[in-house]
Amino acid sequence: MKAYRFLFIIGMILFLIGCNPNTDTSQSGPNDGVDFTNISTKGSIDQSISNNAKQSLSQHKEITTINAVNTEKKLVIAFEVHHNERFRLAKFRKKMQKKMEKVFPDHKIELSTDKKIVIETNKLEKKIRQGNISKKKLKKEVKHLIKLMNEQT
């Protein structure tokens, strides 16, 4: 009988320690957990607009990954959101679209949450970072990304 009582007390102590509200370490800051890399603006292709867009979007806790590339007139942004935020995805995407159009009024904003576009934009960012792409090729790739975004599946 004493053994059951002892196990019960130990179990309750462990339960109370495990349920401590101060042990939440999932998100410690507004930018923690957001995955994005600034692209160098020292090369021949200026990506300061896309870097500013990433910085602006990283303030939202719903976003986990951001990729963006830009040409002179177009800005392509692809991001992922937390899984539980996908229920409100259309409303959130519309809100972000309006925000980006307000921040960058002289660029045509193309925004996507599609995983395929996130991957393709990431590949394009890597090419720009490594300097393996020209301005002409970048315009062609951005045009291709926009075509993929508008594709009906």
N, C-alpha and C. Protein backbone atom coordinates (compact mmCIF):
# COMPACT_ATOMS: atom_id res chain seq x y z
N MET A 1 0.82 -1.19 0.00
CA MET A 1 0.00 0.00 0.00
C MET A 1 0.86 1.25 0.00
N LYS A 2 1.97 1.19 0.76
CA LYS A 2 2.86 2.35 0.80
C LYS A 2 3.53 2.57 -0.56
N ALA A 3 3.79 1.50 -1.28
CA ALA A 3 4.43 1.61 -2.59
C ALA A 3 3.50 2.33 -3.57
N TYR A 4 2.18 2.03 -3.55
CA TYR A 4 1.23 2.70 -4.43
C TYR A 4 1.13 4.19 -4.09
N ARG A 5 1.14 4.48 -2.82
CA ARG A 5 1.05 5.87 -2.38
C ARG A 5 2.30 6.64 -2.83
N PHE A 6 3.46 6.02 -2.69
CA PHE A 6 4.72 6.64 -3.10
C PHE A 6 4.73 6.88 -4.61
N LEU A 7 4.31 5.89 -5.40
CA LEU A 7 4.26 6.04 -6.86
C LEU A 7 3.26 7.12 -7.27
N PHE A 8 2.15 7.21 -6.57
CA PHE A 8 1.15 8.23 -6.86
C PHE A 8 1.72 9.63 -6.62
N ILE A 9 2.42 9.81 -5.52
CA ILE A 9 3.00 11.13 -5.21
C ILE A 9 4.06 11.50 -6.24
N ILE A 10 4.92 10.56 -6.59
CA ILE A 10 5.96 10.81 -7.60
C ILE A 10 5.30 11.14 -8.94
N GLY A 11 4.25 10.42 -9.31
CA GLY A 11 3.53 10.67 -10.55
C GLY A 11 2.92 12.06 -10.57
N MET A 12 2.33 12.48 -9.47
CA MET A 12 1.72 13.82 -9.39
C MET A 12 2.79 14.91 -9.50
N ILE A 13 3.92 14.70 -8.87
CA ILE A 13 5.01 15.69 -8.95
C ILE A 13 5.49 15.82 -10.40
N LEU A 14 5.70 14.70 -11.06
CA LEU A 14 6.13 14.74 -12.45
C LEU A 14 5.08 15.39 -13.35
N PHE A 15 3.82 15.11 -13.09
CA PHE A 15 2.73 15.71 -13.86
C PHE A 15 2.72 17.22 -13.70
N LEU A 16 2.86 17.69 -12.47
CA LEU A 16 2.83 19.13 -12.22
C LEU A 16 4.06 19.83 -12.82
N ILE A 17 5.20 19.19 -12.77
CA ILE A 17 6.40 19.78 -13.38
C ILE A 17 6.25 19.83 -14.90
N GLY A 18 5.69 18.80 -15.48
CA GLY A 18 5.50 18.75 -16.93
C GLY A 18 4.49 19.75 -17.43
N CYS A 19 3.55 20.15 -16.60
CA CYS A 19 2.51 21.09 -17.01
C CYS A 19 2.84 22.52 -16.64
N ASN A 20 4.07 22.82 -16.36
CA ASN A 20 4.48 24.17 -16.02
C ASN A 20 4.33 25.08 -17.22
N PRO A 21 3.57 26.20 -17.11
CA PRO A 21 3.34 27.06 -18.27
C PRO A 21 4.59 27.82 -18.71
N ASN A 22 5.62 27.89 -17.92
CA ASN A 22 6.82 28.65 -18.27
C ASN A 22 7.81 27.84 -19.08
N THR A 23 7.47 26.64 -19.48
CA THR A 23 8.40 25.81 -20.24
C THR A 23 8.17 25.85 -21.73
N ASP A 24 7.34 26.78 -22.22
CA ASP A 24 7.06 26.88 -23.66
C ASP A 24 8.24 27.52 -24.35
N THR A 25 8.92 26.76 -25.19
CA THR A 25 10.07 27.27 -25.92
C THR A 25 9.84 27.21 -27.42
N SER A 26 8.58 27.12 -27.85
CA SER A 26 8.30 26.97 -29.27
C SER A 26 8.66 28.22 -30.06
N GLN A 27 8.35 29.41 -29.53
CA GLN A 27 8.67 30.66 -30.21
C GLN A 27 9.12 31.66 -29.18
N SER A 28 10.35 32.12 -29.30
CA SER A 28 10.86 33.04 -28.31
C SER A 28 10.90 34.47 -28.80
N GLY A 29 10.67 34.72 -30.07
CA GLY A 29 10.68 36.09 -30.58
C GLY A 29 9.91 36.18 -31.88
N PRO A 30 9.66 37.41 -32.37
CA PRO A 30 8.88 37.55 -33.59
C PRO A 30 9.60 37.04 -34.83
N ASN A 31 10.93 37.09 -34.88
CA ASN A 31 11.64 36.65 -36.07
C ASN A 31 12.22 35.26 -35.91
N ASP A 32 12.15 34.68 -34.72
CA ASP A 32 12.69 33.34 -34.53
C ASP A 32 11.81 32.34 -35.25
N GLY A 33 12.42 31.42 -35.95
CA GLY A 33 11.67 30.39 -36.63
C GLY A 33 11.36 30.73 -38.08
N VAL A 34 11.53 31.99 -38.49
CA VAL A 34 11.29 32.35 -39.88
C VAL A 34 12.57 32.09 -40.66
N ASP A 35 12.45 31.30 -41.69
CA ASP A 35 13.60 30.91 -42.49
C ASP A 35 13.67 31.77 -43.74
N PHE A 36 14.65 32.69 -43.78
CA PHE A 36 14.91 33.44 -45.00
C PHE A 36 16.36 33.89 -45.00
N THR A 37 16.90 34.07 -46.20
CA THR A 37 18.27 34.49 -46.37
C THR A 37 18.28 35.74 -47.23
N ASN A 38 18.97 36.77 -46.76
CA ASN A 38 19.11 37.97 -47.58
C ASN A 38 20.05 37.68 -48.74
N ILE A 39 19.68 38.17 -49.90
CA ILE A 39 20.49 38.00 -51.10
C ILE A 39 21.41 39.20 -51.20
N SER A 40 22.64 38.97 -51.57
CA SER A 40 23.62 40.04 -51.70
C SER A 40 23.16 41.04 -52.75
N THR A 41 23.30 42.33 -52.44
CA THR A 41 22.91 43.37 -53.38
C THR A 41 24.13 43.97 -54.06
N LYS A 42 25.30 43.39 -53.84
CA LYS A 42 26.53 43.92 -54.42
C LYS A 42 26.76 43.43 -55.85
N GLY A 43 26.07 42.39 -56.26
CA GLY A 43 26.24 41.83 -57.60
C GLY A 43 25.58 42.70 -58.64
N SER A 44 25.54 42.20 -59.86
CA SER A 44 24.95 42.95 -60.97
C SER A 44 23.42 43.00 -60.88
N ILE A 45 22.84 42.07 -60.13
CA ILE A 45 21.38 42.02 -60.00
C ILE A 45 21.01 42.51 -58.60
N ASP A 46 20.34 43.66 -58.53
CA ASP A 46 19.97 44.26 -57.25
C ASP A 46 18.75 43.56 -56.67
N GLN A 47 18.90 42.97 -55.49
CA GLN A 47 17.81 42.26 -54.83
C GLN A 47 17.41 42.94 -53.52
N SER A 48 17.63 44.23 -53.41
CA SER A 48 17.29 44.94 -52.16
C SER A 48 15.78 44.97 -51.94
N ILE A 49 15.00 45.03 -53.00
CA ILE A 49 13.54 45.04 -52.88
C ILE A 49 13.06 43.73 -52.26
N SER A 50 13.58 42.61 -52.77
CA SER A 50 13.16 41.31 -52.22
C SER A 50 13.64 41.14 -50.78
N ASN A 51 14.82 41.65 -50.45
CA ASN A 51 15.30 41.59 -49.06
C ASN A 51 14.40 42.40 -48.14
N ASN A 52 13.96 43.58 -48.60
CA ASN A 52 13.04 44.39 -47.79
C ASN A 52 11.70 43.69 -47.61
N ALA A 53 11.23 43.02 -48.65
CA ALA A 53 9.96 42.29 -48.55
C ALA A 53 10.08 41.14 -47.55
N LYS A 54 11.19 40.43 -47.58
CA LYS A 54 11.41 39.33 -46.62
C LYS A 54 11.43 39.86 -45.20
N GLN A 55 12.13 40.96 -45.00
CA GLN A 55 12.23 41.55 -43.66
C GLN A 55 10.84 41.98 -43.17
N SER A 56 10.07 42.56 -44.06
CA SER A 56 8.73 43.02 -43.69
C SER A 56 7.81 41.85 -43.34
N LEU A 57 7.86 40.79 -44.14
CA LEU A 57 7.00 39.63 -43.89
C LEU A 57 7.45 38.80 -42.70
N SER A 58 8.72 38.87 -42.35
CA SER A 58 9.22 38.06 -41.24
C SER A 58 8.67 38.53 -39.89
N GLN A 59 8.04 39.68 -39.85
CA GLN A 59 7.45 40.19 -38.62
C GLN A 59 6.17 39.44 -38.23
N HIS A 60 5.61 38.69 -39.16
CA HIS A 60 4.37 37.95 -38.91
C HIS A 60 4.70 36.56 -38.38
N LYS A 61 4.12 36.23 -37.25
CA LYS A 61 4.43 34.95 -36.59
C LYS A 61 3.86 33.75 -37.34
N GLU A 62 2.92 33.96 -38.24
CA GLU A 62 2.31 32.86 -38.97
C GLU A 62 3.25 32.27 -40.02
N ILE A 63 4.23 33.06 -40.48
CA ILE A 63 5.09 32.67 -41.59
C ILE A 63 6.31 31.91 -41.07
N THR A 64 6.64 30.80 -41.75
CA THR A 64 7.81 30.00 -41.36
C THR A 64 8.97 30.15 -42.34
N THR A 65 8.69 30.25 -43.64
CA THR A 65 9.74 30.35 -44.66
C THR A 65 9.35 31.42 -45.67
N ILE A 66 10.33 32.23 -46.06
CA ILE A 66 10.08 33.28 -47.05
C ILE A 66 11.17 33.22 -48.11
N ASN A 67 10.76 33.24 -49.37
CA ASN A 67 11.67 33.36 -50.50
C ASN A 67 11.12 34.46 -51.40
N ALA A 68 12.02 35.29 -51.92
CA ALA A 68 11.57 36.37 -52.80
C ALA A 68 12.68 36.73 -53.78
N VAL A 69 12.28 37.05 -55.00
CA VAL A 69 13.20 37.56 -56.02
C VAL A 69 12.50 38.70 -56.74
N ASN A 70 13.31 39.61 -57.30
CA ASN A 70 12.71 40.72 -58.01
C ASN A 70 13.49 41.08 -59.26
N THR A 71 12.76 41.67 -60.21
CA THR A 71 13.36 42.29 -61.38
C THR A 71 13.08 43.78 -61.23
N GLU A 72 13.25 44.54 -62.30
CA GLU A 72 13.01 45.99 -62.19
C GLU A 72 11.56 46.32 -61.86
N LYS A 73 10.63 45.54 -62.40
CA LYS A 73 9.21 45.85 -62.26
C LYS A 73 8.39 44.78 -61.54
N LYS A 74 8.94 43.60 -61.33
CA LYS A 74 8.16 42.50 -60.73
C LYS A 74 8.83 42.01 -59.47
N LEU A 75 8.01 41.62 -58.52
CA LEU A 75 8.48 41.05 -57.25
C LEU A 75 7.70 39.77 -57.00
N VAL A 76 8.41 38.65 -56.91
CA VAL A 76 7.79 37.35 -56.67
C VAL A 76 8.14 36.94 -55.24
N ILE A 77 7.10 36.71 -54.45
CA ILE A 77 7.27 36.32 -53.05
C ILE A 77 6.56 34.98 -52.84
N ALA A 78 7.27 34.05 -52.24
CA ALA A 78 6.69 32.75 -51.90
C ALA A 78 6.98 32.50 -50.44
N PHE A 79 5.96 32.12 -49.69
CA PHE A 79 6.17 31.84 -48.28
C PHE A 79 5.32 30.68 -47.82
N GLU A 80 5.74 30.09 -46.71
CA GLU A 80 5.01 29.01 -46.08
C GLU A 80 4.51 29.50 -44.73
N VAL A 81 3.37 28.96 -44.30
CA VAL A 81 2.81 29.32 -43.00
C VAL A 81 2.75 28.08 -42.12
N HIS A 82 2.59 28.32 -40.81
CA HIS A 82 2.42 27.20 -39.89
C HIS A 82 1.20 26.38 -40.31
N HIS A 83 1.26 25.10 -40.01
CA HIS A 83 0.21 24.19 -40.46
C HIS A 83 -1.17 24.59 -39.94
N ASN A 84 -1.27 25.01 -38.69
CA ASN A 84 -2.58 25.36 -38.13
C ASN A 84 -3.10 26.69 -38.68
N GLU A 85 -2.28 27.47 -39.36
CA GLU A 85 -2.73 28.73 -39.96
C GLU A 85 -3.30 28.52 -41.37
N ARG A 86 -3.20 27.32 -41.90
CA ARG A 86 -3.66 27.06 -43.26
C ARG A 86 -5.18 27.16 -43.40
N PHE A 87 -5.91 27.12 -42.28
CA PHE A 87 -7.36 27.25 -42.34
C PHE A 87 -7.76 28.67 -42.77
N ARG A 88 -6.94 29.64 -42.42
CA ARG A 88 -7.21 31.04 -42.76
C ARG A 88 -6.27 31.53 -43.85
N LEU A 89 -5.79 30.63 -44.68
CA LEU A 89 -4.74 30.95 -45.65
C LEU A 89 -5.19 31.99 -46.68
N ALA A 90 -6.37 31.86 -47.22
CA ALA A 90 -6.83 32.79 -48.27
C ALA A 90 -6.92 34.21 -47.73
N LYS A 91 -7.46 34.35 -46.56
CA LYS A 91 -7.59 35.68 -45.94
C LYS A 91 -6.21 36.27 -45.63
N PHE A 92 -5.32 35.43 -45.11
CA PHE A 92 -3.98 35.89 -44.76
C PHE A 92 -3.20 36.28 -46.02
N ARG A 93 -3.31 35.48 -47.08
CA ARG A 93 -2.61 35.78 -48.33
C ARG A 93 -3.09 37.10 -48.92
N LYS A 94 -4.40 37.34 -48.85
CA LYS A 94 -4.97 38.57 -49.37
C LYS A 94 -4.45 39.77 -48.57
N LYS A 95 -4.37 39.61 -47.27
CA LYS A 95 -3.86 40.67 -46.39
C LYS A 95 -2.40 40.99 -46.71
N MET A 96 -1.59 39.95 -46.93
CA MET A 96 -0.18 40.15 -47.24
C MET A 96 0.00 40.77 -48.63
N GLN A 97 -0.87 40.39 -49.56
CA GLN A 97 -0.83 40.96 -50.92
C GLN A 97 -1.05 42.47 -50.85
N LYS A 98 -2.07 42.89 -50.10
CA LYS A 98 -2.36 44.32 -49.97
C LYS A 98 -1.21 45.05 -49.28
N LYS A 99 -0.64 44.43 -48.27
CA LYS A 99 0.46 45.05 -47.54
C LYS A 99 1.66 45.26 -48.47
N MET A 100 2.01 44.24 -49.25
CA MET A 100 3.15 44.34 -50.14
C MET A 100 2.90 45.35 -51.27
N GLU A 101 1.67 45.42 -51.76
CA GLU A 101 1.34 46.40 -52.80
C GLU A 101 1.45 47.82 -52.25
N LYS A 102 1.14 47.99 -50.98
CA LYS A 102 1.25 49.31 -50.36
C LYS A 102 2.72 49.68 -50.13
N VAL A 103 3.53 48.71 -49.73
CA VAL A 103 4.94 48.97 -49.45
C VAL A 103 5.74 49.16 -50.73
N PHE A 104 5.42 48.40 -51.78
CA PHE A 104 6.14 48.47 -53.06
C PHE A 104 5.17 48.83 -54.18
N PRO A 105 4.73 50.09 -54.25
CA PRO A 105 3.71 50.46 -55.23
C PRO A 105 4.20 50.45 -56.68
N ASP A 106 5.50 50.58 -56.92
CA ASP A 106 6.00 50.62 -58.29
C ASP A 106 6.43 49.25 -58.81
N HIS A 107 6.12 48.18 -58.07
CA HIS A 107 6.40 46.82 -58.52
C HIS A 107 5.10 46.02 -58.63
N LYS A 108 5.06 45.12 -59.59
CA LYS A 108 3.93 44.20 -59.70
C LYS A 108 4.22 43.04 -58.75
N ILE A 109 3.37 42.86 -57.75
CA ILE A 109 3.58 41.87 -56.71
C ILE A 109 2.89 40.57 -57.08
N GLU A 110 3.64 39.48 -57.04
CA GLU A 110 3.10 38.14 -57.22
C GLU A 110 3.41 37.37 -55.95
N LEU A 111 2.38 36.94 -55.24
CA LEU A 111 2.54 36.29 -53.95
C LEU A 111 1.95 34.88 -54.00
N SER A 112 2.67 33.91 -53.43
CA SER A 112 2.21 32.54 -53.47
C SER A 112 2.56 31.81 -52.18
N THR A 113 1.71 30.86 -51.81
CA THR A 113 1.99 29.98 -50.68
C THR A 113 2.13 28.53 -51.14
N ASP A 114 2.20 28.33 -52.43
CA ASP A 114 2.33 27.00 -53.01
C ASP A 114 3.74 26.46 -52.77
N LYS A 115 3.83 25.24 -52.33
CA LYS A 115 5.12 24.61 -52.02
C LYS A 115 6.03 24.55 -53.25
N LYS A 116 5.46 24.28 -54.39
CA LYS A 116 6.24 24.21 -55.63
C LYS A 116 6.90 25.56 -55.94
N ILE A 117 6.17 26.63 -55.74
CA ILE A 117 6.70 27.97 -56.00
C ILE A 117 7.77 28.32 -54.97
N VAL A 118 7.57 27.90 -53.73
CA VAL A 118 8.57 28.14 -52.68
C VAL A 118 9.89 27.47 -53.05
N ILE A 119 9.82 26.24 -53.52
CA ILE A 119 11.02 25.50 -53.90
C ILE A 119 11.70 26.16 -55.11
N GLU A 120 10.92 26.51 -56.13
CA GLU A 120 11.48 27.13 -57.33
C GLU A 120 12.10 28.50 -57.02
N THR A 121 11.46 29.26 -56.17
CA THR A 121 11.99 30.57 -55.79
C THR A 121 13.28 30.41 -54.99
N ASN A 122 13.34 29.40 -54.15
CA ASN A 122 14.55 29.11 -53.39
C ASN A 122 15.72 28.77 -54.33
N LYS A 123 15.44 27.97 -55.34
CA LYS A 123 16.48 27.62 -56.33
C LYS A 123 16.98 28.87 -57.06
N LEU A 124 16.04 29.73 -57.41
CA LEU A 124 16.40 30.97 -58.12
C LEU A 124 17.23 31.89 -57.21
N GLU A 125 16.89 31.96 -55.94
CA GLU A 125 17.66 32.74 -54.98
C GLU A 125 19.10 32.23 -54.89
N LYS A 126 19.25 30.92 -54.86
CA LYS A 126 20.59 30.33 -54.80
C LYS A 126 21.41 30.70 -56.03
N LYS A 127 20.79 30.67 -57.21
CA LYS A 127 21.49 31.04 -58.43
C LYS A 127 21.95 32.50 -58.37
N ILE A 128 21.08 33.36 -57.85
CA ILE A 128 21.42 34.79 -57.74
C ILE A 128 22.56 34.97 -56.74
N ARG A 129 22.48 34.29 -55.61
CA ARG A 129 23.51 34.39 -54.58
C ARG A 129 24.87 33.94 -55.11
N GLN A 130 24.87 32.89 -55.92
CA GLN A 130 26.11 32.36 -56.47
C GLN A 130 26.59 33.14 -57.69
N GLY A 131 25.75 33.99 -58.24
CA GLY A 131 26.11 34.78 -59.41
C GLY A 131 26.06 33.99 -60.70
N ASN A 132 25.27 32.92 -60.73
CA ASN A 132 25.17 32.04 -61.90
C ASN A 132 24.05 32.42 -62.85
N ILE A 133 23.54 33.65 -62.76
CA ILE A 133 22.39 34.01 -63.58
C ILE A 133 22.54 35.47 -64.04
N SER A 134 22.12 35.72 -65.27
CA SER A 134 22.17 37.08 -65.81
C SER A 134 20.81 37.75 -65.61
N LYS A 135 20.77 39.06 -65.87
CA LYS A 135 19.50 39.79 -65.74
C LYS A 135 18.45 39.26 -66.71
N LYS A 136 18.89 38.96 -67.91
CA LYS A 136 17.96 38.45 -68.93
C LYS A 136 17.39 37.09 -68.51
N LYS A 137 18.25 36.22 -68.01
CA LYS A 137 17.82 34.89 -67.55
C LYS A 137 16.91 35.02 -66.33
N LEU A 138 17.21 35.98 -65.45
CA LEU A 138 16.37 36.21 -64.28
C LEU A 138 14.96 36.63 -64.69
N LYS A 139 14.87 37.53 -65.65
CA LYS A 139 13.55 37.96 -66.13
C LYS A 139 12.77 36.78 -66.69
N LYS A 140 13.47 35.92 -67.43
CA LYS A 140 12.83 34.74 -68.01
C LYS A 140 12.35 33.79 -66.91
N GLU A 141 13.18 33.57 -65.89
CA GLU A 141 12.81 32.68 -64.78
C GLU A 141 11.64 33.25 -63.98
N VAL A 142 11.64 34.55 -63.75
CA VAL A 142 10.54 35.19 -63.02
C VAL A 142 9.25 35.06 -63.82
N LYS A 143 9.33 35.25 -65.11
CA LYS A 143 8.16 35.10 -65.98
C LYS A 143 7.63 33.67 -65.90
N HIS A 144 8.55 32.69 -65.87
CA HIS A 144 8.17 31.29 -65.75
C HIS A 144 7.50 31.03 -64.38
N LEU A 145 8.03 31.61 -63.32
CA LEU A 145 7.43 31.44 -61.99
C LEU A 145 6.01 32.01 -61.95
N ILE A 146 5.82 33.17 -62.55
CA ILE A 146 4.49 33.78 -62.58
C ILE A 146 3.53 32.90 -63.36
N LYS A 147 4.02 32.32 -64.45
CA LYS A 147 3.19 31.40 -65.24
C LYS A 147 2.79 30.18 -64.39
N LEU A 148 3.74 29.65 -63.61
CA LEU A 148 3.43 28.51 -62.73
C LEU A 148 2.40 28.90 -61.66
N MET A 149 2.50 30.11 -61.15
CA MET A 149 1.56 30.57 -60.12
C MET A 149 0.14 30.65 -60.66
N ASN A 150 0.02 31.13 -61.87
CA ASN A 150 -1.30 31.34 -62.46
C ASN A 150 -1.89 30.09 -63.08
N GLU A 151 -1.11 29.03 -63.10
CA GLU A 151 -1.55 27.76 -63.68
C GLU A 151 -2.69 27.17 -62.86
N GLN A 152 -3.72 26.72 -63.52
CA GLN A 152 -4.85 26.08 -62.86
C GLN A 152 -4.62 24.58 -62.82
N THR A 153 -4.61 24.01 -61.61
CA THR A 153 -4.40 22.56 -61.51
C THR A 153 -5.64 21.90 -60.98
